[in-house]
Amino acid sequence: MTKIAICIKLLILTAAITCVFESTYAQFNDSTHYHTAFQSSGSINKTNDGTAYLLNNTFRFNIKKKDISLNFSNNWIYGKQNGNLSNNDFSTALDFNLYKGIPHFFYWGLVNYNTSYSLKINNQLLAGAGIAYSLFDSANTYLNISDGVLLIPAT
């Protein structure tokens, strides 16, 4: 079985699973909430001159509590054109806010990692942490000032 046939079968399976499950949306409230999502999409093109395919996969995980919020995501894009690798790009990100201590103040942190064949990025890392003060925080509007340190290690 060729790689293209395997990719076609995976895409058909993904489409079938997507059609079976319906999406639901909800809001965060006072209690702890966890949210997980996985999305997969892609394209396959076959012409007399050649073939190309591109797969895009995303995974997300979120937690929201009264004293913490956390967001985590992974993205992977993989593709080939005429048998040559065109994309093998991976990105992951984690950010959090910790609401403990003095009212209106909170601590934040983030980590981001990227590597991309198509953009020629090799193992790029960004990490940071800091403190912020909420000037205005309502259901529809949010404004804060923050200060922190971002670290970008040399590669």
Protein backbone atom coordinates (compact mmCIF):
# COMPACT_ATOMS: atom_id res chain seq x y z
CA MET A 1 0.00 0.00 0.00
CA THR A 2 1.45 3.36 -1.00
CA LYS A 3 1.90 6.30 1.35
CA ILE A 4 -0.72 8.29 -0.56
CA ALA A 5 -3.27 5.48 -0.20
CA ILE A 6 -2.59 5.40 3.55
CA CYS A 7 -3.02 9.17 3.77
CA ILE A 8 -6.29 9.01 1.83
CA LYS A 9 -7.61 6.33 4.19
CA LEU A 10 -6.57 8.39 7.23
CA LEU A 11 -8.30 11.49 5.85
CA ILE A 12 -11.49 9.54 5.09
CA LEU A 13 -11.45 8.05 8.60
CA THR A 14 -10.92 11.50 10.11
CA ALA A 15 -13.78 12.94 8.05
CA ALA A 16 -16.08 10.08 9.08
CA ILE A 17 -15.28 10.54 12.77
CA THR A 18 -15.80 14.30 12.44
CA CYS A 19 -19.24 13.79 10.88
CA VAL A 20 -20.33 11.40 13.64
CA PHE A 21 -19.55 13.71 16.56
CA GLU A 22 -21.30 17.04 16.96
CA SER A 23 -19.57 20.08 18.44
CA THR A 24 -20.77 21.58 21.68
CA TYR A 25 -19.79 24.90 23.18
CA ALA A 26 -19.93 25.97 26.81
CA GLN A 27 -18.79 28.82 28.98
CA PHE A 28 -16.51 28.61 31.97
CA ASN A 29 -18.26 29.28 35.29
CA ASP A 30 -17.25 29.26 38.98
CA SER A 31 -16.17 25.64 39.20
CA THR A 32 -13.18 23.92 37.62
CA HIS A 33 -13.41 23.34 33.89
CA TYR A 34 -11.29 21.31 31.57
CA HIS A 35 -11.48 21.59 27.81
CA THR A 36 -9.75 19.35 25.28
CA ALA A 37 -9.89 19.59 21.50
CA PHE A 38 -8.26 17.77 18.62
CA GLN A 39 -8.53 18.86 15.01
CA SER A 40 -7.09 17.20 11.96
CA SER A 41 -7.35 18.33 8.37
CA GLY A 42 -5.46 17.94 5.16
CA SER A 43 -5.44 17.92 1.41
CA ILE A 44 -4.28 15.50 -1.24
CA ASN A 45 -3.75 16.59 -4.82
CA LYS A 46 -2.86 14.22 -7.63
CA THR A 47 -2.30 15.42 -11.17
CA ASN A 48 -0.55 14.08 -14.24
CA ASP A 49 2.52 16.10 -13.24
CA GLY A 50 2.77 14.93 -9.64
CA THR A 51 1.24 14.55 -6.22
CA ALA A 52 1.12 16.69 -3.11
CA TYR A 53 -0.38 16.28 0.32
CA LEU A 54 -0.51 18.37 3.45
CA LEU A 55 -1.73 17.26 6.89
CA ASN A 56 -2.51 19.70 9.72
CA ASN A 57 -3.09 18.42 13.27
CA THR A 58 -3.90 20.48 16.37
CA PHE A 59 -4.38 19.49 20.00
CA ARG A 60 -5.51 21.93 22.72
CA PHE A 61 -6.04 21.60 26.47
CA ASN A 62 -7.38 24.32 28.79
CA ILE A 63 -8.04 24.57 32.53
CA LYS A 64 -9.90 27.42 34.16
CA LYS A 65 -10.39 27.65 37.91
CA LYS A 66 -10.95 30.54 40.25
CA ASP A 67 -7.23 30.76 41.08
CA ILE A 68 -5.55 29.53 37.86
CA SER A 69 -5.99 29.45 34.12
CA LEU A 70 -3.83 27.32 31.83
CA ASN A 71 -3.73 26.97 28.05
CA PHE A 72 -1.72 24.33 26.19
CA SER A 73 -1.61 23.72 22.43
CA ASN A 74 0.32 21.60 19.94
CA ASN A 75 0.32 22.04 16.17
CA TRP A 76 1.95 19.79 13.58
CA ILE A 77 1.93 20.34 9.83
CA TYR A 78 3.40 17.67 7.57
CA GLY A 79 3.51 17.63 3.79
CA LYS A 80 5.23 16.30 0.72
CA GLN A 81 5.25 17.43 -2.88
CA ASN A 82 6.35 15.01 -5.62
CA GLY A 83 7.97 12.81 -2.97
CA ASN A 84 10.02 15.64 -1.47
CA LEU A 85 9.39 16.90 2.05
CA SER A 86 7.82 20.37 1.96
CA ASN A 87 6.55 20.76 5.54
CA ASN A 88 7.43 19.23 8.87
CA ASP A 89 6.53 22.05 11.23
CA PHE A 90 5.86 21.64 14.95
CA SER A 91 4.76 24.27 17.47
CA THR A 92 3.79 23.93 21.10
CA ALA A 93 2.76 26.62 23.57
CA LEU A 94 1.89 26.74 27.26
CA ASP A 95 0.73 29.81 29.16
CA PHE A 96 -0.78 30.22 32.60
CA ASN A 97 -2.04 32.84 35.04
CA LEU A 98 -1.96 32.26 38.80
CA TYR A 99 -4.40 34.39 40.82
CA LYS A 100 -3.10 34.04 44.39
CA GLY A 101 -1.96 36.58 46.93
CA ILE A 102 -2.73 40.30 46.68
CA PRO A 103 -6.10 41.14 45.07
CA HIS A 104 -5.92 42.37 41.44
CA PHE A 105 -2.34 41.07 41.10
CA PHE A 106 -1.51 37.80 39.38
CA TYR A 107 1.52 35.86 38.20
CA TRP A 108 1.91 34.72 34.60
CA GLY A 109 4.19 32.39 32.72
CA LEU A 110 4.67 31.09 29.20
CA VAL A 111 6.74 28.63 27.22
CA ASN A 112 6.73 28.38 23.42
CA TYR A 113 8.69 25.95 21.21
CA ASN A 114 8.86 25.97 17.40
CA THR A 115 10.67 23.99 14.78
CA SER A 116 9.90 24.34 11.09
CA TYR A 117 11.34 22.61 8.04
CA SER A 118 9.59 24.97 5.62
CA LEU A 119 10.71 28.16 7.41
CA LYS A 120 14.15 26.73 8.31
CA ILE A 121 13.64 27.25 12.05
CA ASN A 122 15.53 24.74 14.18
CA ASN A 123 14.48 24.32 17.82
CA GLN A 124 13.39 27.84 18.76
CA LEU A 125 12.43 28.25 22.43
CA LEU A 126 10.87 31.18 24.28
CA ALA A 127 10.10 31.17 28.01
CA GLY A 128 9.02 33.87 30.39
CA ALA A 129 7.41 34.75 33.71
CA GLY A 130 6.18 37.88 35.39
CA ILE A 131 3.58 39.69 37.44
CA ALA A 132 0.57 41.72 36.34
CA TYR A 133 -2.02 44.05 37.83
CA SER A 134 -5.64 44.06 36.63
CA LEU A 135 -6.82 47.62 36.04
CA PHE A 136 -10.21 46.52 34.77
CA ASP A 137 -11.70 43.04 34.75
CA SER A 138 -15.32 42.37 33.84
CA ALA A 139 -17.15 39.68 31.89
CA ASN A 140 -16.55 41.43 28.55
CA THR A 141 -13.54 43.69 29.16
CA TYR A 142 -10.08 42.99 30.51
CA LEU A 143 -7.17 45.42 30.90
CA ASN A 144 -3.96 44.89 32.85
CA ILE A 145 -0.38 46.05 33.04
CA SER A 146 2.43 43.57 33.45
CA ASP A 147 6.16 43.21 33.71
CA GLY A 148 8.29 40.16 33.40
CA VAL A 149 11.32 38.48 31.93
CA LEU A 150 11.43 36.66 28.58
CA LEU A 151 14.26 34.22 27.92
CA ILE A 152 15.31 33.31 24.40
CA PRO A 153 18.19 30.80 24.65
CA ALA A 154 20.79 30.92 21.89
CA THR A 155 20.58 27.96 19.50
